[in-house]
PDB file of N, CA and C in Angstrom:
ATOM      1  N   MET A   1     118.154 105.775 107.437  1.00  0.00           N
ATOM      2  CA  MET A   1     117.662 106.313 106.195  1.00  0.00           C
ATOM      3  C   MET A   1     117.833 105.380 105.053  1.00  0.00           C
ATOM      4  N   LEU A   2     116.814 105.219 104.271  1.00  0.00           N
ATOM      5  CA  LEU A   2     116.863 104.450 102.988  1.00  0.00           C
ATOM      6  C   LEU A   2     117.125 105.424 101.852  1.00  0.00           C
ATOM      7  N   LEU A   3     117.978 105.039 100.931  1.00  0.00           N
ATOM      8  CA  LEU A   3     118.169 105.868  99.703  1.00  0.00           C
ATOM      9  C   LEU A   3     117.888 105.027  98.464  1.00  0.00           C
ATOM     10  N   ASN A   4     116.927 105.367  97.627  1.00  0.00           N
ATOM     11  CA  ASN A   4     116.694 104.753  96.401  1.00  0.00           C
ATOM     12  C   ASN A   4     117.725 105.264  95.416  1.00  0.00           C
ATOM     13  N   LEU A   5     118.632 104.370  94.998  1.00  0.00           N
ATOM     14  CA  LEU A   5     119.777 104.782  94.170  1.00  0.00           C
ATOM     15  C   LEU A   5     119.374 105.215  92.732  1.00  0.00           C
ATOM     16  N   SER A   6     118.218 104.751  92.253  1.00  0.00           N
ATOM     17  CA  SER A   6     117.851 105.197  90.928  1.00  0.00           C
ATOM     18  C   SER A   6     117.082 106.553  90.878  1.00  0.00           C
ATOM     19  N   THR A   7     116.386 106.834  92.008  1.00  0.00           N
ATOM     20  CA  THR A   7     115.668 108.091  92.038  1.00  0.00           C
ATOM     21  C   THR A   7     116.274 109.091  93.016  1.00  0.00           C
ATOM     22  N   GLU A   8     117.208 108.612  93.821  1.00  0.00           N
ATOM     23  CA  GLU A   8     117.800 109.435  94.892  1.00  0.00           C
ATOM     24  C   GLU A   8     116.805 109.892  95.989  1.00  0.00           C
ATOM     25  N   LYS A   9     115.631 109.248  96.010  1.00  0.00           N
ATOM     26  CA  LYS A   9     114.639 109.604  97.041  1.00  0.00           C
ATOM     27  C   LYS A   9     115.135 108.999  98.417  1.00  0.00           C
ATOM     28  N   LYS A  10     115.071 109.844  99.438  1.00  0.00           N
ATOM     29  CA  LYS A  10     115.465 109.432 100.767  1.00  0.00           C
ATOM     30  C   LYS A  10     114.199 109.243 101.626  1.00  0.00           C
ATOM     31  N   THR A  11     114.240 108.118 102.430  1.00  0.00           N
ATOM     32  CA  THR A  11     113.172 107.870 103.391  1.00  0.00           C
ATOM     33  C   THR A  11     113.805 107.691 104.743  1.00  0.00           C
ATOM     34  N   GLU A  12     113.450 108.562 105.703  1.00  0.00           N
ATOM     35  CA  GLU A  12     114.074 108.586 106.995  1.00  0.00           C
ATOM     36  C   GLU A  12     113.109 107.922 107.990  1.00  0.00           C
ATOM     37  N   PHE A  13     113.715 107.267 108.931  1.00  0.00           N
ATOM     38  CA  PHE A  13     113.063 106.590 110.026  1.00  0.00           C
ATOM     39  C   PHE A  13     113.696 106.974 111.330  1.00  0.00           C
ATOM     40  N   GLU A  14     112.871 107.340 112.371  1.00  0.00           N
ATOM     41  CA  GLU A  14     113.387 107.737 113.575  1.00  0.00           C
ATOM     42  C   GLU A  14     113.424 106.672 114.611  1.00  0.00           C
ATOM     43  N   LYS A  15     114.359 106.783 115.577  1.00  0.00           N
ATOM     44  CA  LYS A  15     114.468 105.950 116.725  1.00  0.00           C
ATOM     45  C   LYS A  15     114.599 104.445 116.404  1.00  0.00           C
ATOM     46  N   VAL A  16     115.420 104.134 115.412  1.00  0.00           N
ATOM     47  CA  VAL A  16     115.593 102.697 115.049  1.00  0.00           C
ATOM     48  C   VAL A  16     116.810 102.112 115.733  1.00  0.00           C
ATOM     49  N   ARG A  17     116.630 101.038 116.469  1.00  0.00           N
ATOM     50  CA  ARG A  17     117.763 100.452 117.185  1.00  0.00           C
ATOM     51  C   ARG A  17     118.418  99.267 116.418  1.00  0.00           C
ATOM     52  N   ARG A  18     117.668  98.714 115.519  1.00  0.00           N
ATOM     53  CA  ARG A  18     118.177  97.561 114.749  1.00  0.00           C
ATOM     54  C   ARG A  18     117.407  97.430 113.443  1.00  0.00           C
ATOM     55  N   PHE A  19     118.010  96.984 112.381  1.00  0.00           N
ATOM     56  CA  PHE A  19     117.271  96.752 111.165  1.00  0.00           C
ATOM     57  C   PHE A  19     117.867  95.544 110.528  1.00  0.00           C
ATOM     58  N   SER A  20     117.001  94.955 109.562  1.00  0.00           N
ATOM     59  CA  SER A  20     117.474  93.794 108.854  1.00  0.00           C
ATOM     60  C   SER A  20     116.742  93.754 107.510  1.00  0.00           C
ATOM     61  N   PHE A  21     117.505  93.395 106.463  1.00  0.00           N
ATOM     62  CA  PHE A  21     116.913  93.171 105.153  1.00  0.00           C
ATOM     63  C   PHE A  21     116.452  91.788 105.022  1.00  0.00           C
ATOM     64  N   SER A  22     115.554  91.457 104.138  1.00  0.00           N
ATOM     65  CA  SER A  22     114.831  90.165 104.142  1.00  0.00           C
ATOM     66  C   SER A  22     115.660  89.102 103.353  1.00  0.00           C
ATOM     67  N   GLY A  23     116.838  88.883 103.734  1.00  0.00           N
ATOM     68  CA  GLY A  23     117.642  87.748 103.205  1.00  0.00           C
ATOM     69  C   GLY A  23     117.832  87.792 101.707  1.00  0.00           C
ATOM     70  N   GLU A  24     117.591  86.651 101.066  1.00  0.00           N
ATOM     71  CA  GLU A  24     117.769  86.612  99.640  1.00  0.00           C
ATOM     72  C   GLU A  24     116.676  87.206  98.872  1.00  0.00           C
ATOM     73  N   ASN A  25     115.543  87.574  99.507  1.00  0.00           N
ATOM     74  CA  ASN A  25     114.445  88.234  98.867  1.00  0.00           C
ATOM     75  C   ASN A  25     114.557  89.740  99.246  1.00  0.00           C
ATOM     76  N   PRO A  26     114.949  90.547  98.275  1.00  0.00           N
ATOM     77  CA  PRO A  26     115.248  91.927  98.596  1.00  0.00           C
ATOM     78  C   PRO A  26     114.033  92.908  98.655  1.00  0.00           C
ATOM     79  N   ASN A  27     112.853  92.375  99.079  1.00  0.00           N
ATOM     80  CA  ASN A  27     111.706  93.205  98.959  1.00  0.00           C
ATOM     81  C   ASN A  27     111.371  93.929 100.267  1.00  0.00           C
ATOM     82  N   TRP A  28     111.967  93.492 101.408  1.00  0.00           N
ATOM     83  CA  TRP A  28     111.533  94.058 102.688  1.00  0.00           C
ATOM     84  C   TRP A  28     112.755  94.467 103.530  1.00  0.00           C
ATOM     85  N   VAL A  29     112.455  95.462 104.444  1.00  0.00           N
ATOM     86  CA  VAL A  29     113.458  95.747 105.490  1.00  0.00           C
ATOM     87  C   VAL A  29     112.618  95.823 106.751  1.00  0.00           C
ATOM     88  N   ALA A  30     113.082  95.297 107.828  1.00  0.00           N
ATOM     89  CA  ALA A  30     112.449  95.345 109.102  1.00  0.00           C
ATOM     90  C   ALA A  30     113.288  96.370 109.953  1.00  0.00           C
ATOM     91  N   LEU A  31     112.509  97.272 110.608  1.00  0.00           N
ATOM     92  CA  LEU A  31     113.190  98.293 111.404  1.00  0.00           C
ATOM     93  C   LEU A  31     112.569  98.178 112.832  1.00  0.00           C
ATOM     94  N   HIS A  32     113.479  97.779 113.824  1.00  0.00           N
ATOM     95  CA  HIS A  32     112.987  97.662 115.155  1.00  0.00           C
ATOM     96  C   HIS A  32     113.289  98.928 115.929  1.00  0.00           C
ATOM     97  N   ARG A  33     112.243  99.534 116.419  1.00  0.00           N
ATOM     98  CA  ARG A  33     112.412 100.863 117.166  1.00  0.00           C
ATOM     99  C   ARG A  33     112.705 100.701 118.572  1.00  0.00           C
ATOM    100  N   TYR A  34     113.262 101.749 119.180  1.00  0.00           N
ATOM    101  CA  TYR A  34     113.437 101.818 120.572  1.00  0.00           C
ATOM    102  C   TYR A  34     112.148 101.843 121.276  1.00  0.00           C
ATOM    103  N   GLY A  35     112.087 101.260 122.543  1.00  0.00           N
ATOM    104  CA  GLY A  35     110.872 101.227 123.326  1.00  0.00           C
ATOM    105  C   GLY A  35     110.712 102.595 124.015  1.00  0.00           C
ATOM    106  N   ALA A  36     109.594 102.697 124.746  1.00  0.00           N
ATOM    107  CA  ALA A  36     109.365 103.905 125.523  1.00  0.00           C
ATOM    108  C   ALA A  36     110.441 104.052 126.541  1.00  0.00           C
ATOM    109  N   ASP A  37     110.798 105.215 126.904  1.00  0.00           N
ATOM    110  CA  ASP A  37     111.808 105.493 127.871  1.00  0.00           C
ATOM    111  C   ASP A  37     111.427 104.805 129.119  1.00  0.00           C
ATOM    112  N   ALA A  38     112.412 104.145 129.761  1.00  0.00           N
ATOM    113  CA  ALA A  38     112.218 103.468 131.069  1.00  0.00           C
ATOM    114  C   ALA A  38     112.107 104.491 132.146  1.00  0.00           C
ATOM    115  N   PRO A  39     111.262 104.274 133.114  1.00  0.00           N
ATOM    116  CA  PRO A  39     111.154 105.180 134.233  1.00  0.00           C
ATOM    117  C   PRO A  39     112.447 105.118 135.069  1.00  0.00           C
ATOM    118  N   ALA A  40     112.767 106.231 135.661  1.00  0.00           N
ATOM    119  CA  ALA A  40     114.003 106.295 136.474  1.00  0.00           C
ATOM    120  C   ALA A  40     113.880 105.300 137.682  1.00  0.00           C
ATOM    121  N   GLY A  41     114.964 104.578 137.845  1.00  0.00           N
ATOM    122  CA  GLY A  41     114.985 103.641 138.943  1.00  0.00           C
ATOM    123  C   GLY A  41     115.599 104.299 140.255  1.00  0.00           C
ATOM    124  N   PRO A  42     115.757 103.463 141.290  1.00  0.00           N
ATOM    125  CA  PRO A  42     116.327 104.064 142.507  1.00  0.00           C
ATOM    126  C   PRO A  42     117.779 104.350 142.330  1.00  0.00           C
ATOM    127  N   PRO A  43     118.326 105.256 143.058  1.00  0.00           N
ATOM    128  CA  PRO A  43     119.744 105.621 143.011  1.00  0.00           C
ATOM    129  C   PRO A  43     120.665 104.351 143.142  1.00  0.00           C
ATOM    130  N   ALA A  44     121.817 104.471 142.581  1.00  0.00           N
ATOM    131  CA  ALA A  44     122.745 103.333 142.743  1.00  0.00           C
ATOM    132  C   ALA A  44     122.986 103.031 144.188  1.00  0.00           C
ATOM    133  N   GLY A  45     122.992 101.711 144.522  1.00  0.00           N
ATOM    134  CA  GLY A  45     123.158 101.289 145.879  1.00  0.00           C
ATOM    135  C   GLY A  45     121.958 101.190 146.683  1.00  0.00           C
ATOM    136  N   ALA A  46     120.847 101.857 146.249  1.00  0.00           N
ATOM    137  CA  ALA A  46     119.606 101.798 147.008  1.00  0.00           C
ATOM    138  C   ALA A  46     118.878 100.491 146.706  1.00  0.00           C
ATOM    139  N   SER A  47     118.222  99.961 147.698  1.00  0.00           N
ATOM    140  CA  SER A  47     117.430  98.795 147.387  1.00  0.00           C
ATOM    141  C   SER A  47     116.118  99.165 146.814  1.00  0.00           C
ATOM    142  N   SER A  48     115.599  98.298 145.902  1.00  0.00           N
ATOM    143  CA  SER A  48     114.320  98.591 145.268  1.00  0.00           C
ATOM    144  C   SER A  48     113.193  98.076 146.281  1.00  0.00           C
ATOM    145  N   PRO A  49     112.131  98.807 146.303  1.00  0.00           N
ATOM    146  CA  PRO A  49     111.008  98.403 147.144  1.00  0.00           C
ATOM    147  C   PRO A  49     110.402  97.108 146.765  1.00  0.00           C
ATOM    148  N   ALA A  50     110.012  96.262 147.645  1.00  0.00           N
ATOM    149  CA  ALA A  50     109.389  94.966 147.276  1.00  0.00           C
ATOM    150  C   ALA A  50     107.913  95.252 147.046  1.00  0.00           C
ATOM    151  N   ALA A  51     107.416  94.339 146.226  1.00  0.00           N
ATOM    152  CA  ALA A  51     105.997  94.398 145.926  1.00  0.00           C
ATOM    153  C   ALA A  51     105.177  94.039 147.139  1.00  0.00           C
ATOM    154  N   PRO A  52     103.917  94.396 147.157  1.00  0.00           N
ATOM    155  CA  PRO A  52     103.063  94.070 148.369  1.00  0.00           C
ATOM    156  C   PRO A  52     103.141  92.587 148.635  1.00  0.00           C
ATOM    157  N   GLY A  53     103.170  92.219 149.880  1.00  0.00           N
ATOM    158  CA  GLY A  53     103.214  90.886 150.265  1.00  0.00           C
ATOM    159  C   GLY A  53     104.567  90.200 150.091  1.00  0.00           C
ATOM    160  N   GLY A  54     105.625  90.963 149.756  1.00  0.00           N
ATOM    161  CA  GLY A  54     107.002  90.430 149.608  1.00  0.00           C
ATOM    162  C   GLY A  54     107.217  89.747 148.274  1.00  0.00           C
ATOM    163  N   ALA A  55     106.302  89.873 147.355  1.00  0.00           N
ATOM    164  CA  ALA A  55     106.422  89.284 146.048  1.00  0.00           C
ATOM    165  C   ALA A  55     107.394  90.035 145.200  1.00  0.00           C
ATOM    166  N   THR A  56     107.999  89.348 144.252  1.00  0.00           N
ATOM    167  CA  THR A  56     108.901  89.963 143.283  1.00  0.00           C
ATOM    168  C   THR A  56     108.132  90.883 142.429  1.00  0.00           C
ATOM    169  N   PRO A  57     108.599  92.100 142.203  1.00  0.00           N
ATOM    170  CA  PRO A  57     107.856  93.056 141.316  1.00  0.00           C
ATOM    171  C   PRO A  57     107.791  92.390 139.890  1.00  0.00           C
ATOM    172  N   PRO A  58     106.713  92.659 139.135  1.00  0.00           N
ATOM    173  CA  PRO A  58     106.606  92.053 137.795  1.00  0.00           C
ATOM    174  C   PRO A  58     107.675  92.632 136.832  1.00  0.00           C
ATOM    175  N   GLU A  59     108.082  91.749 135.871  1.00  0.00           N
ATOM    176  CA  GLU A  59     109.137  92.182 134.916  1.00  0.00           C
ATOM    177  C   GLU A  59     108.515  93.215 133.960  1.00  0.00           C
ATOM    178  N   ARG A  60     109.349  94.112 133.573  1.00  0.00           N
ATOM    179  CA  ARG A  60     108.964  95.112 132.590  1.00  0.00           C
ATOM    180  C   ARG A  60     108.971  94.533 131.178  1.00  0.00           C
ATOM    181  N   PRO A  61     107.956  94.685 130.387  1.00  0.00           N
ATOM    182  CA  PRO A  61     108.015  94.082 129.052  1.00  0.00           C
ATOM    183  C   PRO A  61     109.110  94.740 128.158  1.00  0.00           C
ATOM    184  N   THR A  62     109.615  93.986 127.247  1.00  0.00           N
ATOM    185  CA  THR A  62     110.749  94.430 126.471  1.00  0.00           C
ATOM    186  C   THR A  62     110.402  94.725 125.002  1.00  0.00           C
ATOM    187  N   GLY A  63     109.086  94.593 124.713  1.00  0.00           N
ATOM    188  CA  GLY A  63     108.648  94.793 123.336  1.00  0.00           C
ATOM    189  C   GLY A  63     108.590  96.276 122.938  1.00  0.00           C
ATOM    190  N   SER A  64     108.784  96.499 121.583  1.00  0.00           N
ATOM    191  CA  SER A  64     108.669  97.802 121.019  1.00  0.00           C
ATOM    192  C   SER A  64     108.201  97.605 119.556  1.00  0.00           C
ATOM    193  N   ASP A  65     107.949  98.676 118.902  1.00  0.00           N
ATOM    194  CA  ASP A  65     107.441  98.654 117.579  1.00  0.00           C
ATOM    195  C   ASP A  65     108.418  98.089 116.575  1.00  0.00           C
ATOM    196  N   LEU A  66     107.852  97.270 115.649  1.00  0.00           N
ATOM    197  CA  LEU A  66     108.705  96.683 114.532  1.00  0.00           C
ATOM    198  C   LEU A  66     107.933  97.195 113.288  1.00  0.00           C
ATOM    199  N   LEU A  67     108.680  97.859 112.415  1.00  0.00           N
ATOM    200  CA  LEU A  67     108.140  98.425 111.182  1.00  0.00           C
ATOM    201  C   LEU A  67     108.640  97.561 110.033  1.00  0.00           C
ATOM    202  N   LEU A  68     107.753  96.915 109.300  1.00  0.00           N
ATOM    203  CA  LEU A  68     108.092  96.171 108.093  1.00  0.00           C
ATOM    204  C   LEU A  68     107.808  97.063 106.915  1.00  0.00           C
ATOM    205  N   TYR A  69     108.822  97.417 106.124  1.00  0.00           N
ATOM    206  CA  TYR A  69     108.692  98.329 105.076  1.00  0.00           C
ATOM    207  C   TYR A  69     108.994  97.556 103.691  1.00  0.00           C
ATOM    208  N   GLU A  70     107.993  97.671 102.877  1.00  0.00           N
ATOM    209  CA  GLU A  70     108.190  97.003 101.544  1.00  0.00           C
ATOM    210  C   GLU A  70     108.927  98.001 100.544  1.00  0.00           C
ATOM    211  N   LEU A  71     110.094  97.608 100.174  1.00  0.00           N
ATOM    212  CA  LEU A  71     110.907  98.490  99.404  1.00  0.00           C
ATOM    213  C   LEU A  71     110.382  98.872  98.048  1.00  0.00           C
ATOM    214  N   SER A  72     109.667  98.024  97.352  1.00  0.00           N
ATOM    215  CA  SER A  72     109.175  98.301  96.073  1.00  0.00           C
ATOM    216  C   SER A  72     107.949  99.259  96.033  1.00  0.00           C
ATOM    217  N   THR A  73     107.201  99.236  97.056  1.00  0.00           N
ATOM    218  CA  THR A  73     105.969 100.111  97.139  1.00  0.00           C
ATOM    219  C   THR A  73     105.958 101.177  98.170  1.00  0.00           C
ATOM    220  N   GLY A  74     106.762 100.963  99.230  1.00  0.00           N
ATOM    221  CA  GLY A  74     106.724 101.971 100.324  1.00  0.00           C
ATOM    222  C   GLY A  74     105.698 101.619 101.359  1.00  0.00           C
ATOM    223  N   ASN A  75     104.939 100.506 101.120  1.00  0.00           N
ATOM    224  CA  ASN A  75     103.921 100.094 102.084  1.00  0.00           C
ATOM    225  C   ASN A  75     104.586  99.691 103.403  1.00  0.00           C
ATOM    226  N   GLN A  76     103.882 100.025 104.534  1.00  0.00           N
ATOM    227  CA  GLN A  76     104.458  99.730 105.831  1.00  0.00           C
ATOM    228  C   GLN A  76     103.448  98.967 106.709  1.00  0.00           C
ATOM    229  N   LEU A  77     103.992  98.083 107.477  1.00  0.00           N
ATOM    230  CA  LEU A  77     103.180  97.315 108.471  1.00  0.00           C
ATOM    231  C   LEU A  77     103.811  97.546 109.786  1.00  0.00           C
ATOM    232  N   ASN A  78     103.113  98.111 110.768  1.00  0.00           N
ATOM    233  CA  ASN A  78     103.649  98.343 112.088  1.00  0.00           C
ATOM    234  C   ASN A  78     103.113  97.270 113.028  1.00  0.00           C
ATOM    235  N   VAL A  79     104.013  96.559 113.721  1.00  0.00           N
ATOM    236  CA  VAL A  79     103.646  95.535 114.710  1.00  0.00           C
ATOM    237  C   VAL A  79     104.115  96.032 116.084  1.00  0.00           C
ATOM    238  N   GLY A  80     103.300  96.083 117.083  1.00  0.00           N
ATOM    239  CA  GLY A  80     103.673  96.534 118.321  1.00  0.00           C
ATOM    240  C   GLY A  80     104.133  95.421 119.269  1.00  0.00           C
ATOM    241  N   ASN A  81     104.864  95.844 120.309  1.00  0.00           N
ATOM    242  CA  ASN A  81     105.335  94.981 121.379  1.00  0.00           C
ATOM    243  C   ASN A  81     106.252  93.876 120.958  1.00  0.00           C
ATOM    244  N   VAL A  82     107.057  94.057 119.939  1.00  0.00           N
ATOM    245  CA  VAL A  82     107.942  93.043 119.430  1.00  0.00           C
ATOM    246  C   VAL A  82     109.211  93.028 120.265  1.00  0.00           C
ATOM    247  N   ALA A  83     109.614  91.862 120.802  1.00  0.00           N
ATOM    248  CA  ALA A  83     110.832  91.709 121.604  1.00  0.00           C
ATOM    249  C   ALA A  83     112.031  91.335 120.701  1.00  0.00           C
ATOM    250  N   ASP A  84     111.764  90.512 119.717  1.00  0.00           N
ATOM    251  CA  ASP A  84     112.828  90.075 118.794  1.00  0.00           C
ATOM    252  C   ASP A  84     112.249  89.634 117.494  1.00  0.00           C
ATOM    253  N   PHE A  85     112.991  89.632 116.420  1.00  0.00           N
ATOM    254  CA  PHE A  85     112.467  89.299 115.087  1.00  0.00           C
ATOM    255  C   PHE A  85     113.689  88.692 114.187  1.00  0.00           C
ATOM    256  N   ALA A  86     113.254  88.020 113.167  1.00  0.00           N
ATOM    257  CA  ALA A  86     114.272  87.501 112.185  1.00  0.00           C
ATOM    258  C   ALA A  86     113.566  87.122 110.927  1.00  0.00           C
ATOM    259  N   PHE A  87     114.284  87.281 109.775  1.00  0.00           N
ATOM    260  CA  PHE A  87     113.799  86.730 108.505  1.00  0.00           C
ATOM    261  C   PHE A  87     114.376  85.368 108.352  1.00  0.00           C
ATOM    262  N   ASP A  88     113.661  84.477 107.584  1.00  0.00           N
ATOM    263  CA  ASP A  88     114.303  83.249 107.128  1.00  0.00           C
ATOM    264  C   ASP A  88     115.347  83.526 106.140  1.00  0.00           C
ATOM    265  N   LYS A  89     116.276  82.576 105.885  1.00  0.00           N
ATOM    266  CA  LYS A  89     117.363  82.748 104.894  1.00  0.00           C
ATOM    267  C   LYS A  89     116.890  83.199 103.498  1.00  0.00           C
ATOM    268  N   LYS A  90     115.795  82.647 103.053  1.00  0.00           N
ATOM    269  CA  LYS A  90     115.318  83.013 101.666  1.00  0.00           C
ATOM    270  C   LYS A  90     114.598  84.371 101.652  1.00  0.00           C
ATOM    271  N   GLY A  91     114.186  84.810 102.879  1.00  0.00           N
ATOM    272  CA  GLY A  91     113.523  86.150 102.973  1.00  0.00           C
ATOM    273  C   GLY A  91     112.031  86.014 102.641  1.00  0.00           C
ATOM    274  N   ASN A  92     111.445  84.825 102.743  1.00  0.00           N
ATOM    275  CA  ASN A  92     110.014  84.697 102.498  1.00  0.00           C
ATOM    276  C   ASN A  92     109.193  84.907 103.708  1.00  0.00           C
ATOM    277  N   TRP A  93     109.817  84.771 104.860  1.00  0.00           N
ATOM    278  CA  TRP A  93     108.985  84.917 106.104  1.00  0.00           C
ATOM    279  C   TRP A  93     109.813  85.799 107.135  1.00  0.00           C
ATOM    280  N   CYS A  94     109.013  86.475 107.951  1.00  0.00           N
ATOM    281  CA  CYS A  94     109.634  87.185 109.098  1.00  0.00           C
ATOM    282  C   CYS A  94     108.882  86.692 110.281  1.00  0.00           C
ATOM    283  N   ALA A  95     109.598  86.281 111.259  1.00  0.00           N
ATOM    284  CA  ALA A  95     109.036  85.848 112.507  1.00  0.00           C
ATOM    285  C   ALA A  95     109.403  86.766 113.645  1.00  0.00           C
ATOM    286  N   TRP A  96     108.473  86.952 114.680  1.00  0.00           N
ATOM    287  CA  TRP A  96     108.748  87.788 115.719  1.00  0.00           C
ATOM    288  C   TRP A  96     108.053  87.300 116.997  1.00  0.00           C
ATOM    289  N   THR A  97     108.667  87.736 118.126  1.00  0.00           N
ATOM    290  CA  THR A  97     108.036  87.394 119.433  1.00  0.00           C
ATOM    291  C   THR A  97     107.461  88.602 119.982  1.00  0.00           C
ATOM    292  N   ILE A  98     106.339  88.468 120.728  1.00  0.00           N
ATOM    293  CA  ILE A  98     105.641  89.529 121.377  1.00  0.00           C
ATOM    294  C   ILE A  98     105.901  89.477 122.790  1.00  0.00           C
ATOM    295  N   ASP A  99     106.261  90.600 123.459  1.00  0.00           N
ATOM    296  CA  ASP A  99     106.392  90.731 124.822  1.00  0.00           C
ATOM    297  C   ASP A  99     105.696  92.045 125.292  1.00  0.00           C
ATOM    298  N   ALA A 100     104.474  91.900 125.695  1.00  0.00           N
ATOM    299  CA  ALA A 100     103.553  93.019 126.017  1.00  0.00           C
ATOM    300  C   ALA A 100     103.353  93.198 127.488  1.00  0.00           C
ATOM    301  N   SER A 101     102.879  94.317 127.871  1.00  0.00           N
ATOM    302  CA  SER A 101     102.463  94.597 129.271  1.00  0.00           C
ATOM    303  C   SER A 101     101.393  93.541 129.712  1.00  0.00           C
ATOM    304  N   ASP A 102     101.511  93.086 130.974  1.00  0.00           N
ATOM    305  CA  ASP A 102     100.638  92.076 131.543  1.00  0.00           C
ATOM    306  C   ASP A 102     100.601  90.821 130.714  1.00  0.00           C
ATOM    307  N   LYS A 103     101.562  90.614 129.900  1.00  0.00           N
ATOM    308  CA  LYS A 103     101.654  89.387 129.075  1.00  0.00           C
ATOM    309  C   LYS A 103     100.418  89.198 128.145  1.00  0.00           C
ATOM    310  N   ALA A 104      99.648  90.238 127.869  1.00  0.00           N
ATOM    311  CA  ALA A 104      98.510  90.184 126.982  1.00  0.00           C
ATOM    312  C   ALA A 104      98.980  90.061 125.550  1.00  0.00           C
ATOM    313  N   GLY A 105      98.675  89.021 124.919  1.00  0.00           N
ATOM    314  CA  GLY A 105      99.057  88.789 123.484  1.00  0.00           C
ATOM    315  C   GLY A 105     100.434  88.253 123.330  1.00  0.00           C
ATOM    316  N   ASN A 106     101.155  87.910 124.291  1.00  0.00           N
ATOM    317  CA  ASN A 106     102.471  87.368 124.152  1.00  0.00           C
ATOM    318  C   ASN A 106     102.459  86.131 123.273  1.00  0.00           C
ATOM    319  N   GLY A 107     103.494  85.944 122.429  1.00  0.00           N
ATOM    320  CA  GLY A 107     103.524  84.793 121.598  1.00  0.00           C
ATOM    321  C   GLY A 107     104.554  84.973 120.458  1.00  0.00           C
ATOM    322  N   VAL A 108     104.439  84.055 119.501  1.00  0.00           N
ATOM    323  CA  VAL A 108     105.327  84.041 118.263  1.00  0.00           C
ATOM    324  C   VAL A 108     104.378  84.149 117.007  1.00  0.00           C
ATOM    325  N   ARG A 109     104.874  84.826 116.081  1.00  0.00           N
ATOM    326  CA  ARG A 109     104.092  85.071 114.858  1.00  0.00           C
ATOM    327  C   ARG A 109     105.054  85.115 113.658  1.00  0.00           C
ATOM    328  N   ARG A 110     104.569  84.731 112.466  1.00  0.00           N
ATOM    329  CA  ARG A 110     105.279  84.866 111.280  1.00  0.00           C
ATOM    330  C   ARG A 110     104.427  85.440 110.190  1.00  0.00           C
ATOM    331  N   GLU A 111     104.975  86.220 109.273  1.00  0.00           N
ATOM    332  CA  GLU A 111     104.225  86.916 108.252  1.00  0.00           C
ATOM    333  C   GLU A 111     105.156  87.133 106.988  1.00  0.00           C
ATOM    334  N   ILE A 112     104.537  87.779 106.037  1.00  0.00           N
ATOM    335  CA  ILE A 112     105.065  88.161 104.691  1.00  0.00           C
ATOM    336  C   ILE A 112     105.119  87.051 103.717  1.00  0.00           C
TER     337      ILE A 112
END
């Protein structure tokens, strides 16, 4: 939850696993949300089934939504499939990595 100390307005965000303010530039907060619930795996001690042809099953993507929230205006930018993010020390840039299903769109990006 964010609380504006001058107006006492509260803004709540659900399912946030990590957050970070934008360094020396106090205009932004990044809120990294939890991903979709993982499907239930095999019971403990059971071996997982091999993929067809004996290949290793594909890795599950780790990306989830990243919400960039501008503190002065309340504007929001939602970025999907973010695996990790960080602001630079001055808070002028936010960089993130994308980890999506089937590796579609995977890469690194910076913004703000």
